[in-house]
Protein backbone atom coordinates (compact mmCIF):
# COMPACT_ATOMS: atom_id res chain seq x y z
CA MET A 1 -103.14 59.92 54.68
CA PRO A 2 -102.77 61.33 51.15
CA SER A 3 -99.10 62.00 51.90
CA SER A 4 -97.97 58.31 52.39
CA PRO A 5 -97.53 57.23 48.74
CA ALA A 6 -94.78 59.84 48.19
CA PRO A 7 -91.93 58.10 50.05
CA ALA A 8 -92.62 54.80 48.30
CA SER A 9 -92.36 56.28 44.84
CA ALA A 10 -89.10 57.99 45.75
CA ALA A 11 -87.56 54.73 46.88
CA ALA A 12 -88.67 53.03 43.67
CA MET A 13 -87.10 55.71 41.56
CA ALA A 14 -83.82 55.46 43.48
CA GLY A 15 -83.61 51.70 42.95
CA GLY A 16 -84.30 52.03 39.23
CA GLY A 17 -81.54 54.59 38.83
CA LEU A 18 -78.99 52.26 40.48
CA ILE A 19 -79.84 49.48 38.04
CA VAL A 20 -79.36 51.81 35.09
CA VAL A 21 -75.98 52.86 36.38
CA LEU A 22 -74.88 49.24 36.73
CA LEU A 23 -76.06 48.44 33.23
CA VAL A 24 -74.15 51.39 31.81
CA LEU A 25 -71.01 50.41 33.64
CA SER A 26 -71.30 46.83 32.38
CA ALA A 27 -71.74 48.04 28.85
CA CYS A 28 -68.74 50.27 29.20
CA VAL A 29 -66.60 47.37 30.45
CA VAL A 30 -67.69 45.20 27.55
CA CYS A 31 -67.04 47.93 25.10
CA GLY A 32 -63.59 48.51 26.59
CA ALA A 33 -62.69 44.86 26.32
CA ARG A 34 -63.73 44.74 22.71
CA ALA A 35 -61.63 47.82 21.95
CA ASP A 36 -58.36 45.78 22.46
CA CYS A 37 -59.22 43.40 19.52
CA PRO A 38 -59.53 45.06 16.10
CA ALA A 39 -62.86 44.77 14.37
CA ALA A 40 -61.33 42.61 11.59
CA CYS A 41 -59.88 40.12 14.09
CA GLU A 42 -61.34 37.53 16.34
CA CYS A 43 -59.78 37.31 19.76
CA LYS A 44 -60.54 34.16 21.70
CA TRP A 45 -59.06 31.16 23.46
CA ARG A 46 -57.90 28.53 21.02
CA SER A 47 -56.17 25.29 21.94
CA GLY A 48 -55.54 26.66 25.41
CA LYS A 49 -53.88 29.82 24.11
CA GLU A 50 -54.95 33.44 23.81
CA SER A 51 -55.44 33.71 20.08
CA ALA A 52 -55.98 36.50 17.60
CA ILE A 53 -57.40 35.31 14.28
CA CYS A 54 -56.88 38.03 11.69
CA ALA A 55 -56.90 35.94 8.48
CA SER A 56 -58.08 37.50 5.21
CA ALA A 57 -58.54 40.91 6.89
CA ASN A 58 -56.82 42.85 4.09
CA MET A 59 -54.14 44.11 6.52
CA THR A 60 -50.94 45.56 5.17
CA ALA A 61 -49.11 45.65 8.52
CA VAL A 62 -49.04 43.85 11.79
CA PRO A 63 -52.13 44.89 13.84
CA ARG A 64 -51.62 46.91 16.98
CA HIS A 65 -53.67 47.18 20.16
CA LEU A 66 -53.82 43.42 20.54
CA ASP A 67 -53.64 42.01 24.01
CA TYR A 68 -50.09 41.80 25.35
CA GLY A 69 -50.66 38.14 26.30
CA THR A 70 -51.53 37.01 22.78
CA GLN A 71 -49.78 33.68 22.07
CA LEU A 72 -51.20 32.75 18.66
CA LEU A 73 -51.49 35.19 15.79
CA ASP A 74 -52.99 34.19 12.45
CA LEU A 75 -52.31 36.68 9.65
CA ASN A 76 -52.83 34.32 6.68
CA ASP A 77 -53.98 35.77 3.35
CA ASN A 78 -53.10 39.39 4.13
CA PRO A 79 -51.07 41.49 1.65
CA LEU A 80 -48.21 42.27 3.96
CA TYR A 81 -45.53 42.20 1.19
CA ARG A 82 -42.72 43.06 3.56
CA LEU A 83 -41.94 42.65 7.24
CA GLY A 84 -39.80 45.42 8.64
CA LYS A 85 -37.48 45.68 11.59
CA ASP A 86 -39.03 44.76 14.95
CA ALA A 87 -42.44 44.39 13.28
CA PHE A 88 -43.86 42.35 16.17
CA ALA A 89 -41.87 43.84 19.03
CA ASP A 90 -43.27 47.32 18.24
CA ALA A 91 -46.82 45.89 18.52
CA ASP A 92 -46.05 44.54 22.04
CA LEU A 93 -46.51 40.94 20.87
CA LEU A 94 -43.50 39.53 22.68
CA ASN A 95 -45.28 36.44 24.00
CA LEU A 96 -46.10 34.97 20.61
CA GLN A 97 -45.55 31.19 20.38
CA LYS A 98 -47.23 30.50 17.03
CA LEU A 99 -47.18 32.81 14.04
CA PHE A 100 -48.94 32.09 10.72
CA LEU A 101 -47.97 34.21 7.72
CA SER A 102 -49.01 31.96 4.84
CA ARG A 103 -50.02 33.54 1.49
CA CYS A 104 -49.11 37.02 2.58
CA ARG A 105 -47.20 37.81 -0.64
CA ILE A 106 -44.08 38.41 1.38
CA LYS A 107 -41.05 39.08 -0.76
CA ALA A 108 -38.62 40.47 1.80
CA LEU A 109 -37.94 39.90 5.45
CA ASP A 110 -35.84 42.24 7.52
CA ARG A 111 -33.04 40.52 9.40
CA TYR A 112 -34.58 41.65 12.71
CA ALA A 113 -38.24 41.20 11.79
CA PHE A 114 -38.73 38.55 14.49
CA ARG A 115 -36.42 40.05 17.08
CA LYS A 116 -37.36 39.54 20.74
CA LEU A 117 -39.78 36.71 19.90
CA ASN A 118 -37.88 34.39 22.19
CA ASN A 119 -40.85 32.08 22.80
CA LEU A 120 -41.74 31.44 19.17
CA VAL A 121 -41.85 27.67 18.45
CA GLU A 122 -43.88 27.50 15.22
CA LEU A 123 -43.52 29.68 12.13
CA ASP A 124 -45.43 29.36 8.88
CA LEU A 125 -44.03 31.28 5.89
CA SER A 126 -45.50 29.02 3.22
CA TYR A 127 -46.69 30.15 -0.22
CA ASN A 128 -45.01 33.48 -0.26
CA SER A 129 -42.45 34.90 -2.66
CA ILE A 130 -39.35 34.36 -0.52
CA PRO A 131 -36.53 33.44 -2.98
CA VAL A 132 -34.02 31.97 -0.50
CA VAL A 133 -33.99 30.24 2.84
CA PRO A 134 -34.15 33.10 5.41
CA SER A 135 -31.25 31.82 7.50
CA ALA A 136 -30.32 35.22 8.97
CA VAL A 137 -33.91 35.93 10.03
CA LEU A 138 -34.09 32.63 11.90
CA GLU A 139 -31.27 33.77 14.17
CA SER A 140 -33.84 35.66 16.32
CA VAL A 141 -35.96 32.57 17.03
CA PRO A 142 -33.55 29.91 18.40
CA GLU A 143 -36.37 27.94 20.10
CA LEU A 144 -38.19 27.23 16.86
CA ARG A 145 -39.53 23.66 16.58
CA GLU A 146 -41.49 23.75 13.34
CA LEU A 147 -40.82 25.70 10.14
CA ARG A 148 -42.81 25.73 6.93
CA LEU A 149 -41.20 27.21 3.84
CA ASN A 150 -43.16 25.24 1.27
CA GLY A 151 -44.54 26.99 -1.77
CA ASN A 152 -41.72 29.56 -2.05
CA PRO A 153 -39.51 29.93 -5.15
CA ILE A 154 -36.47 28.58 -3.31
CA MET A 155 -34.05 26.90 -5.73
CA LYS A 156 -31.27 25.81 -3.41
CA VAL A 157 -30.77 24.85 0.21
CA PRO A 158 -27.24 26.02 1.02
CA ASN A 159 -24.83 24.62 3.57
CA GLY A 160 -25.72 25.51 7.16
CA ALA A 161 -29.11 26.98 6.24
CA PHE A 162 -30.66 25.97 9.59
CA THR A 163 -27.78 26.16 12.02
CA HIS A 164 -29.55 28.96 14.00
CA VAL A 165 -32.50 26.73 14.85
CA PRO A 166 -30.83 23.63 16.34
CA ARG A 167 -34.07 22.47 18.04
CA LEU A 168 -36.03 22.18 14.81
CA VAL A 169 -38.14 19.01 14.69
CA ARG A 170 -40.27 19.44 11.56
CA LEU A 171 -39.18 21.09 8.33
CA ASP A 172 -41.23 21.53 5.21
CA VAL A 173 -39.47 22.64 2.01
CA SER A 174 -41.95 21.01 -0.36
CA GLU A 175 -43.48 22.51 -3.50
CA CYS A 176 -40.53 24.80 -4.05
CA ARG A 177 -38.11 24.80 -6.94
CA VAL A 178 -35.27 23.17 -5.05
CA ALA A 179 -32.89 21.45 -7.47
CA LEU A 180 -29.85 21.33 -5.21
CA LEU A 181 -29.30 20.25 -1.65
CA GLU A 182 -25.75 21.03 -0.70
CA SER A 183 -23.85 18.38 1.23
CA THR A 184 -24.28 20.04 4.65
CA ALA A 185 -27.62 21.73 4.03
CA PHE A 186 -29.08 20.29 7.25
CA ALA A 187 -26.02 20.72 9.41
CA GLY A 188 -26.94 21.33 13.02
CA LEU A 189 -30.15 19.27 12.79
CA GLU A 190 -28.53 15.83 13.09
CA ASN A 191 -29.94 15.19 16.58
CA SER A 192 -33.25 17.06 16.35
CA LEU A 193 -34.95 16.81 12.94
CA GLU A 194 -37.56 14.04 12.79
CA TRP A 195 -39.76 14.94 9.81
CA LEU A 196 -38.62 16.30 6.47
CA ARG A 197 -40.61 17.12 3.37
CA LEU A 198 -38.82 17.61 0.06
CA ASP A 199 -41.57 16.48 -2.28
CA ASN A 200 -42.66 18.40 -5.37
CA ASN A 201 -39.29 19.92 -6.16
CA GLN A 202 -36.73 19.55 -8.96
CA LEU A 203 -34.38 17.13 -7.21
CA ARG A 204 -32.64 14.58 -9.41
CA ASP A 205 -30.17 13.24 -6.87
CA VAL A 206 -29.02 13.87 -3.31
CA LYS A 207 -25.52 13.57 -1.94
CA PRO A 208 -25.34 10.76 0.59
CA SER A 209 -24.13 12.86 3.51
CA THR A 210 -26.99 15.36 3.14
CA VAL A 211 -29.76 13.16 4.52
CA VAL A 212 -27.87 10.19 5.92
CA SER A 213 -26.46 12.40 8.69
CA LEU A 214 -29.95 12.97 10.14
CA ALA A 215 -29.79 10.33 12.86
CA ARG A 216 -33.28 10.96 14.33
CA LEU A 217 -35.20 11.20 11.07
CA HIS A 218 -38.44 9.20 11.29
CA GLY A 219 -40.07 10.18 8.02
CA VAL A 220 -39.19 11.81 4.73
CA GLN A 221 -41.25 12.63 1.68
CA LEU A 222 -39.39 12.58 -1.63
CA ASN A 223 -42.14 11.96 -4.16
CA ASP A 224 -42.85 14.08 -7.24
CA ASN A 225 -39.21 14.80 -8.05
CA PRO A 226 -37.55 13.89 -11.38
CA TRP A 227 -35.25 11.33 -9.74
CA ASN A 228 -32.33 9.91 -11.65
CA CYS A 229 -32.19 6.40 -10.20
CA SER A 230 -28.48 5.89 -10.79
CA CYS A 231 -25.63 4.96 -8.48
CA LYS A 232 -25.73 8.47 -6.98
CA LEU A 233 -28.98 7.61 -5.22
CA ARG A 234 -27.78 4.21 -4.10
CA PRO A 235 -26.39 5.36 -0.70
CA LEU A 236 -29.65 7.20 0.14
CA ARG A 237 -31.81 4.27 -0.87
CA GLU A 238 -29.58 1.84 1.00
CA TRP A 239 -29.74 4.03 4.12
CA MET A 240 -33.54 4.32 3.99
CA ALA A 241 -33.91 0.57 3.50
CA ARG A 242 -31.54 -0.23 6.36
CA ARG A 243 -33.21 2.25 8.74
CA ASN A 244 -36.71 1.44 7.46
CA VAL A 245 -37.47 5.16 7.11
CA PRO A 246 -41.04 5.70 5.83
CA PHE A 247 -41.27 7.89 2.75
CA GLY A 248 -45.02 8.42 2.33
CA ALA A 249 -45.88 8.21 -1.33
CA PRO A 250 -43.11 6.18 -3.05
CA PRO A 251 -40.79 8.23 -5.26
CA VAL A 252 -40.78 7.43 -8.97
CA CYS A 253 -37.77 7.33 -11.29
CA LYS A 254 -37.67 9.55 -14.35
CA THR A 255 -34.26 8.43 -15.63
CA PRO A 256 -32.57 6.27 -16.85
CA VAL A 257 -34.89 5.08 -19.53
CA ARG A 258 -34.78 1.48 -18.33
CA LEU A 259 -36.28 2.58 -14.98
CA ALA A 260 -38.56 5.41 -16.14
CA ARG A 261 -41.88 5.56 -14.24
CA THR A 262 -40.77 2.81 -11.86
CA SER A 263 -41.35 3.46 -8.18
CA TRP A 264 -38.60 2.90 -5.63
CA ASP A 265 -40.49 0.24 -3.75
CA LYS A 266 -40.33 -2.01 -6.82
CA LEU A 267 -36.56 -1.71 -7.30
CA GLU A 268 -33.73 -3.67 -5.80
CA LEU A 269 -30.61 -2.01 -4.50
CA ASP A 270 -28.47 -3.17 -7.44
CA ASP A 271 -30.90 -1.43 -9.81
CA PHE A 272 -29.49 1.88 -8.60
CA ALA A 273 -26.42 1.44 -10.80
CA CYS A 274 -24.12 3.40 -13.07
CA GLU A 275 -23.08 2.13 -16.47
CA PRO A 276 -19.71 0.40 -16.28
CA HIS A 277 -16.67 1.16 -18.36
CA SER A 278 -13.09 -0.03 -18.32
CA VAL A 279 -9.71 1.49 -19.09
CA PRO A 280 -6.82 -0.78 -20.19
CA VAL A 281 -3.67 -0.45 -18.15
CA SER A 282 -1.77 -0.82 -21.44
CA ALA A 283 -3.43 -0.84 -24.86
CA VAL A 284 -0.61 -2.94 -26.39
CA VAL A 285 1.27 -5.72 -24.59
CA VAL A 286 4.49 -7.02 -26.21
CA VAL A 287 5.72 -10.38 -24.93
CA THR A 288 8.51 -12.74 -25.95
CA GLU A 289 7.56 -16.25 -26.95
CA GLY A 290 7.80 -18.56 -23.96
CA ASP A 291 7.31 -15.86 -21.34
CA ASN A 292 4.15 -15.09 -19.36
CA ALA A 293 1.90 -12.18 -20.38
CA THR A 294 -0.61 -10.29 -18.23
CA VAL A 295 -3.23 -7.88 -19.60
CA SER A 296 -5.20 -5.69 -17.18
CA CYS A 297 -8.16 -3.32 -17.17
CA ARG A 298 -9.40 -0.97 -14.47
CA MET A 299 -13.15 -1.24 -13.93
CA TYR A 300 -15.50 1.67 -13.23
CA GLY A 301 -19.14 1.33 -12.23
CA VAL A 302 -21.48 0.95 -9.25
CA PRO A 303 -22.06 -1.75 -8.24
CA ILE A 304 -18.79 -3.43 -9.26
CA PRO A 305 -19.56 -5.04 -12.61
CA SER A 306 -18.93 -8.63 -13.56
CA SER A 307 -16.15 -9.16 -16.10
CA ARG A 308 -15.08 -11.63 -18.74
CA TRP A 309 -12.34 -11.82 -21.39
CA THR A 310 -12.69 -12.60 -25.08
CA ARG A 311 -10.10 -13.21 -27.77
CA ASN A 312 -10.91 -12.25 -31.34
CA ASP A 313 -14.58 -11.84 -30.28
CA ARG A 314 -14.74 -15.36 -28.88
CA PRO A 315 -15.24 -16.15 -25.19
CA LEU A 316 -12.01 -17.14 -23.46
CA SER A 317 -12.57 -19.90 -20.97
CA GLN A 318 -10.32 -20.48 -17.99
CA THR A 319 -7.67 -23.07 -18.81
CA GLY A 320 -4.28 -24.04 -17.53
CA ARG A 321 -2.66 -21.38 -19.75
CA SER A 322 -5.27 -18.60 -19.50
CA VAL A 323 -6.15 -17.47 -15.99
CA PRO A 324 -8.59 -14.52 -15.51
CA ILE A 325 -8.50 -12.97 -12.03
CA THR A 326 -10.51 -10.05 -10.58
CA GLU A 327 -8.85 -8.11 -7.77
CA GLY A 328 -10.84 -5.14 -6.46
CA ARG A 329 -11.24 -2.68 -9.28
CA TYR A 330 -8.89 -4.56 -11.64
CA THR A 331 -9.51 -7.54 -13.87
CA ASN A 332 -6.41 -9.37 -15.10
CA LEU A 333 -5.77 -12.09 -17.65
CA THR A 334 -2.52 -14.06 -17.37
CA ILE A 335 -1.32 -16.20 -20.30
CA VAL A 336 1.31 -18.75 -19.27
CA SER A 337 4.15 -19.70 -21.67
CA VAL A 338 2.99 -17.59 -24.57
CA VAL A 339 3.17 -19.08 -28.06
CA ALA A 340 2.81 -17.36 -31.40
CA GLN A 341 -0.87 -18.35 -31.66
CA ASP A 342 -1.68 -16.39 -28.47
CA GLY A 343 -1.24 -13.05 -30.21
CA GLY A 344 -4.28 -11.06 -31.22
CA SER A 345 -6.97 -8.74 -29.91
CA TYR A 346 -8.29 -9.34 -26.39
CA ALA A 347 -11.38 -7.60 -25.02
CA CYS A 348 -12.41 -6.91 -21.43
CA GLU A 349 -16.22 -6.96 -21.19
CA LEU A 350 -18.01 -5.50 -18.14
CA GLU A 351 -21.67 -5.74 -17.23
CA ASN A 352 -24.08 -4.75 -14.46
CA ARG A 353 -27.77 -3.87 -14.36
CA SER A 354 -27.07 -0.47 -15.83
CA GLY A 355 -25.50 -1.81 -19.01
CA SER A 356 -22.29 -3.18 -20.46
CA SER A 357 -19.08 -1.98 -22.07
CA ARG A 358 -15.84 -3.35 -23.50
CA SER A 359 -12.27 -2.25 -24.12
CA ASN A 360 -9.62 -3.85 -26.31
CA VAL A 361 -6.03 -4.86 -25.60
CA THR A 362 -3.64 -6.06 -28.32
CA VAL A 363 -1.10 -8.77 -27.50
CA VAL A 364 1.98 -8.95 -29.76
CA VAL A 365 4.13 -12.10 -29.50
CA VAL A 366 7.79 -11.74 -30.50
CA LYS A 367 9.82 -14.81 -31.42
CA ARG A 368 12.76 -15.55 -29.19
CA SER A 369 16.04 -14.80 -31.09
CA PRO A 370 19.51 -16.30 -30.45
CA GLN A 371 20.59 -12.99 -28.99
CA LEU A 372 17.78 -13.26 -26.47
CA VAL A 373 18.84 -16.81 -25.68
CA LEU A 374 22.40 -15.65 -25.11
CA GLY A 375 21.08 -12.78 -23.08
CA ALA A 376 19.22 -15.25 -20.91
CA ASP A 377 22.23 -17.59 -20.74
CA ARG A 378 24.52 -14.82 -19.56
CA TYR A 379 22.82 -15.08 -16.21
CA ALA A 380 23.20 -18.88 -16.13
CA LEU A 381 26.87 -18.97 -17.25
CA PRO A 382 28.27 -17.26 -14.13
CA GLY A 383 26.29 -19.66 -12.00
CA LEU A 384 27.69 -22.61 -13.93
CA ILE A 385 31.24 -21.32 -13.49
CA VAL A 386 30.72 -20.80 -9.79
CA GLY A 387 29.34 -24.31 -9.51
CA VAL A 388 32.35 -25.81 -11.26
CA ILE A 389 34.71 -23.83 -9.03
CA LEU A 390 32.90 -25.09 -5.95
CA VAL A 391 33.11 -28.68 -7.15
CA LEU A 392 36.83 -28.35 -7.83
CA SER A 393 37.32 -26.71 -4.44
CA PHE A 394 35.62 -29.60 -2.71
CA CYS A 395 37.82 -32.02 -4.62
CA LEU A 396 40.97 -30.14 -3.61
CA ILE A 397 39.82 -30.01 0.00
CA PHE A 398 39.25 -33.77 -0.14
CA LEU A 399 42.74 -34.35 -1.54
CA CYS A 400 44.13 -32.02 1.11
CA GLY A 401 42.46 -34.06 3.80
CA LEU A 402 43.94 -37.25 2.42
CA ALA A 403 47.38 -35.65 2.30
CA ILE A 404 47.12 -34.42 5.91
CA ARG A 405 46.02 -37.86 7.13
CA SER A 406 49.01 -39.57 5.56
CA LYS A 407 51.48 -36.77 6.30
CA GLY A 408 53.47 -38.60 9.01
CA SER A 409 53.48 -42.07 7.40
CA PRO A 410 57.00 -43.35 6.44
CA THR A 411 55.55 -45.71 3.84
CA GLY A 412 53.18 -45.44 0.90
CA SER A 413 49.52 -46.29 1.00
CA ARG A 414 50.32 -49.85 0.01
CA GLY A 415 52.98 -50.35 2.70
CA VAL A 416 55.91 -50.08 0.28
CA PRO A 417 58.92 -48.11 1.63
CA VAL A 418 59.62 -45.02 -0.39
CA SER A 419 63.25 -44.37 -1.30
CA GLY A 420 65.30 -43.41 -4.21
CA PRO A 421 65.23 -40.37 -6.42
CA LEU A 422 62.16 -38.14 -6.78
CA ASP A 423 61.47 -39.24 -10.33
CA SER A 424 60.82 -42.78 -9.16
CA ALA A 425 58.68 -41.40 -6.31
CA ILE A 426 56.45 -39.52 -8.76
CA VAL A 427 55.94 -42.64 -10.82
CA ASN A 428 54.65 -44.39 -7.70
CA ILE A 429 51.50 -42.28 -7.28
CA ASP A 430 50.15 -44.48 -4.47
CA ALA A 431 52.94 -43.37 -2.10
CA ASP A 432 52.56 -40.13 -0.23
CA PRO A 433 54.87 -37.44 -1.74
CA PHE A 434 55.51 -35.74 1.55
CA ASP A 435 56.73 -39.00 3.04
CA ARG A 436 58.97 -39.59 0.05
CA TYR A 437 60.53 -36.15 0.37
CA GLU A 438 61.11 -36.61 4.08
CA LYS A 439 62.64 -40.07 3.54
CA ILE A 440 64.97 -38.76 0.85
CA GLU A 441 66.18 -35.98 3.08
CA MET A 442 66.78 -38.43 5.92
CA ASP A 443 68.79 -40.71 3.59
CA ARG A 444 70.87 -37.77 2.50
CA ASP A 445 71.73 -36.82 6.06
CA ASP A 446 72.58 -40.43 6.98
CA ASN A 447 74.83 -40.87 3.93
CA ASN A 448 76.63 -37.59 4.62
CA LYS A 449 77.25 -38.52 8.25
CA SER A 450 78.44 -42.03 7.26
CA MET A 451 80.86 -40.69 4.66
CA GLN A 452 82.30 -38.14 7.06
CA HIS A 453 82.74 -40.81 9.73
CA ARG A 454 84.60 -43.10 7.32
CA LEU A 455 86.92 -40.33 6.21
CA HIS A 456 87.80 -39.43 9.78
CA GLN A 457 88.34 -43.11 10.64
CA LEU A 458 91.11 -43.56 8.07
CA PRO A 459 94.38 -44.49 9.93
CA ALA A 460 97.33 -42.20 9.77
CA SER A 461 99.78 -45.02 9.20
CA SER A 462 99.90 -47.70 6.60
CA SER A 463 98.99 -50.52 9.00
CA ASP A 464 95.56 -51.76 10.07
CA MET A 465 94.28 -52.44 13.55
CA ASN A 466 95.96 -55.84 13.66
CA GLY A 467 99.33 -54.31 13.06
CA ARG A 468 99.63 -55.66 9.63
CA PRO A 469 101.29 -53.34 7.15
CA ASP A 470 99.16 -51.74 4.48
CA PRO A 471 99.40 -53.01 1.00
CA PRO A 472 101.69 -51.25 -1.31
CA GLY A 473 100.11 -48.09 -2.68
CA TYR A 474 97.27 -48.07 -0.13
CA ALA A 475 97.99 -44.59 1.20
CA GLU A 476 98.18 -43.13 -2.30
CA SER A 477 94.95 -44.87 -3.17
CA ALA A 478 93.17 -43.55 -0.10
CA ALA A 479 94.47 -40.05 -0.67
CA THR A 480 93.44 -40.25 -4.26
CA SER A 481 89.96 -41.44 -3.30
CA SER A 482 89.60 -38.65 -0.79
CA GLY A 483 90.74 -36.10 -3.28
CA LEU A 484 88.35 -37.45 -5.87
CA LEU A 485 85.48 -37.14 -3.47
CA HIS A 486 86.37 -33.54 -2.68
CA HIS A 487 86.94 -32.89 -6.33
CA GLY A 488 83.53 -34.28 -7.21
CA HIS A 489 81.91 -32.04 -4.64
CA ASP A 490 83.66 -29.00 -6.08
CA GLU A 491 82.57 -29.90 -9.58
CA HIS A 492 78.98 -30.07 -8.41
CA GLU A 493 79.25 -26.71 -6.72
CA ASP A 494 80.72 -25.25 -9.85
CA TYR A 495 77.93 -26.80 -11.88
CA ASP A 496 75.11 -25.60 -9.68
CA GLY A 497 76.50 -22.16 -9.07
CA LEU A 498 74.86 -22.08 -5.61
CA PRO A 499 75.93 -23.45 -2.24
CA PRO A 500 73.79 -26.24 -0.83
CA ILE A 501 70.82 -24.63 0.97
CA ASP A 502 70.11 -27.42 3.47
CA GLU A 503 73.81 -27.61 4.64
CA PRO A 504 75.56 -25.11 6.92
CA PRO A 505 78.27 -23.01 5.24
CA SER A 506 81.10 -24.61 7.29
CA SER A 507 80.25 -28.13 6.19
CA THR A 508 82.65 -29.64 3.73
CA ALA A 509 81.26 -33.16 3.66
CA PRO A 510 80.00 -34.26 0.30
CA SER A 511 76.30 -35.22 -0.14
CA ILE A 512 75.05 -38.10 -2.16
CA THR A 513 72.21 -35.92 -3.37
CA ASP A 514 74.71 -34.15 -5.62
CA ARG A 515 74.94 -37.17 -7.88
CA PRO A 516 74.33 -36.52 -11.57
CA THR A 517 71.28 -38.81 -11.46
CA ALA A 518 69.41 -36.17 -9.46
CA ARG A 519 69.46 -33.72 -12.38
CA PRO A 520 66.29 -33.18 -14.47
CA SER A 521 66.00 -35.31 -17.53
CA HIS A 522 64.67 -32.55 -19.75
CA PRO A 523 67.40 -31.48 -22.16
CA THR A 524 66.54 -27.73 -21.98
CA THR A 525 66.41 -27.45 -18.19
CA ASN A 526 69.49 -27.46 -15.97
CA VAL A 527 67.64 -27.47 -12.60
CA PRO A 528 68.67 -30.32 -10.25
CA HIS A 529 66.02 -32.26 -8.37
CA ARG A 530 67.25 -30.81 -5.12
CA TYR A 531 65.92 -27.31 -6.05
CA VAL A 532 62.63 -28.71 -7.29
CA THR A 533 62.29 -30.55 -4.01
CA ILE A 534 63.03 -27.43 -1.97
CA ILE A 535 60.50 -25.34 -3.95
CA ILE A 536 57.84 -28.02 -3.57
CA GLU A 537 58.47 -28.36 0.15
CA ARG A 538 58.42 -24.60 0.80
CA PHE A 539 55.38 -24.02 -1.42
CA SER A 540 53.36 -26.99 -0.15
CA LYS A 541 54.08 -25.98 3.46
CA TYR A 542 51.54 -23.16 2.99
CA LEU A 543 49.03 -24.88 0.72
CA TYR A 544 49.20 -28.47 1.99
CA LEU A 545 48.46 -29.68 -1.51
CA HIS A 546 51.56 -31.83 -1.96
CA VAL A 547 50.55 -33.91 -4.94
CA MET A 548 49.09 -31.06 -6.94
CA CYS A 549 52.09 -28.80 -6.18
CA GLU A 550 54.56 -31.43 -7.21
CA ILE A 551 52.85 -32.28 -10.50
CA TRP A 552 52.26 -28.65 -11.40
CA LEU A 553 55.80 -27.47 -10.60
CA ARG A 554 57.47 -30.36 -12.36
CA LEU A 555 55.45 -29.86 -15.49
CA PHE A 556 56.07 -26.11 -15.40
CA ILE A 557 59.84 -26.41 -14.85
CA ARG A 558 60.17 -29.20 -17.39
CA HIS A 559 58.44 -27.39 -20.24
CA SER A 560 59.26 -23.74 -19.59
CA GLY A 561 63.05 -23.70 -19.33
CA PHE A 562 62.96 -22.55 -15.71
CA GLY A 563 66.64 -21.82 -14.84
CA LEU A 564 68.65 -22.02 -11.66
CA GLY A 565 68.54 -18.29 -11.03
CA ARG A 566 64.76 -18.31 -11.11
CA CYS A 567 64.66 -21.32 -8.80
CA GLU A 568 66.80 -19.40 -6.31
CA PHE A 569 64.47 -16.40 -6.59
CA VAL A 570 61.39 -18.54 -5.99
CA ILE A 571 63.01 -20.16 -2.95
CA LYS A 572 63.89 -16.80 -1.42
CA LEU A 573 60.40 -15.46 -2.22
CA ILE A 574 58.74 -18.39 -0.46
CA GLN A 575 61.05 -18.06 2.51
């Protein structure tokens, strides 16, 4: 029986050894897990992410041996100074989503420092010594949503500084030294950026297109900048007021003096103005007395200033003779019918909420001289002459109409038969000349035919039809009479020097139109009425101005010594 306790003690010892082994193994597992997180870091779950908190650990490089699945790494307040090429890829931290590098005294960033961090969405580089926006470095993190660059000595945001991060939603460039935002500084962020901080910088003004292009912007902080509240800020302020964009603490104006220390929320839109000034279109305007004068000035200033005109430092009210008109950027003053008293110095005065200005224009009035009057009348004289010619033309046309209407009438306008020589026809002005000429020609033909008939009817013997003998000397008397008639016709032909134009060459019958009474009465003119009549008829056949042709030709022939040879030439020319 003394041997029974031995097996029980052996079993107890075996069970105790197994427990020790398990405890050692557990300790080893715990120790191995803790070996992946450096002693200066704290590795834990934070906000649902595997986090490594290594802030203020006096690290000079990115820690290694961190878990491959680390998503959040906090390296704030470590003297890193510089981040080299593939600084995080070499530490197998390719799953990082949030990276905090604030106050790490970083002065330089390699272009590929963040290479292969394709999942990074938040990056904090605030309060370092980075002198410029690290645009090239951001090319490796295209999925970035939030970027903090505040507290760096950045002086300018250049064009296209954030084009490599088109999904950026929040951007903080506050507490830098930014004095210039170029016109397309935020290009590429028009449809993504929602929050922007530019407070505590050196901004005095912003170009309109720089911020206005951010269509999805919901908030902007612009306070603690030395803003110049002039017309350059007017588009930005107008855009913010129209979109109702919140701006946190209200910005305060530093200049101009009239708005110093005045916050934006207490200003109206027209307070963001630039001082106006004007430039005369012409400094001196010379005008002739009686003419209209216009003086003009081009206005500069935002908003468009109000204007008024003064003359010799006295306000010029709008009257019937002085009419001020503003058209766009020009203000004009028109003076109607200038007199000598209108000369002098005129001033264009502009004013808006930014201030006022004036510019002078001198008007010189010149008296109208006789030469100027003649110069003006030289344009009216041709018109007067043309008018007189037109009136005379209408009168001639009227007379022509009257002549055509009465062309075929055998009597005058008073019903008196027209006959006799042309001189008596001219005296009777009421009778139509054309009818008179036609009647005279008809009488001539009838007389010629009658005379020829009588000559041919003379009997060959000295007895009449009744068989009675002729009186003594009758045959000699008849022969003598016939010879006298032929002799008279020959004398007339010798006198005229031309054969009768209206008779055929074979005709030998005398015409009663060759009587001496048909000759012109003027002592210096030897032109018979027959030639005058022919010229008038031939000439008036083309002009149909019978009365005027007759009067003009008779006066011309009567007082100019117009000879027979010239009459013949005129007749042939008309023919």
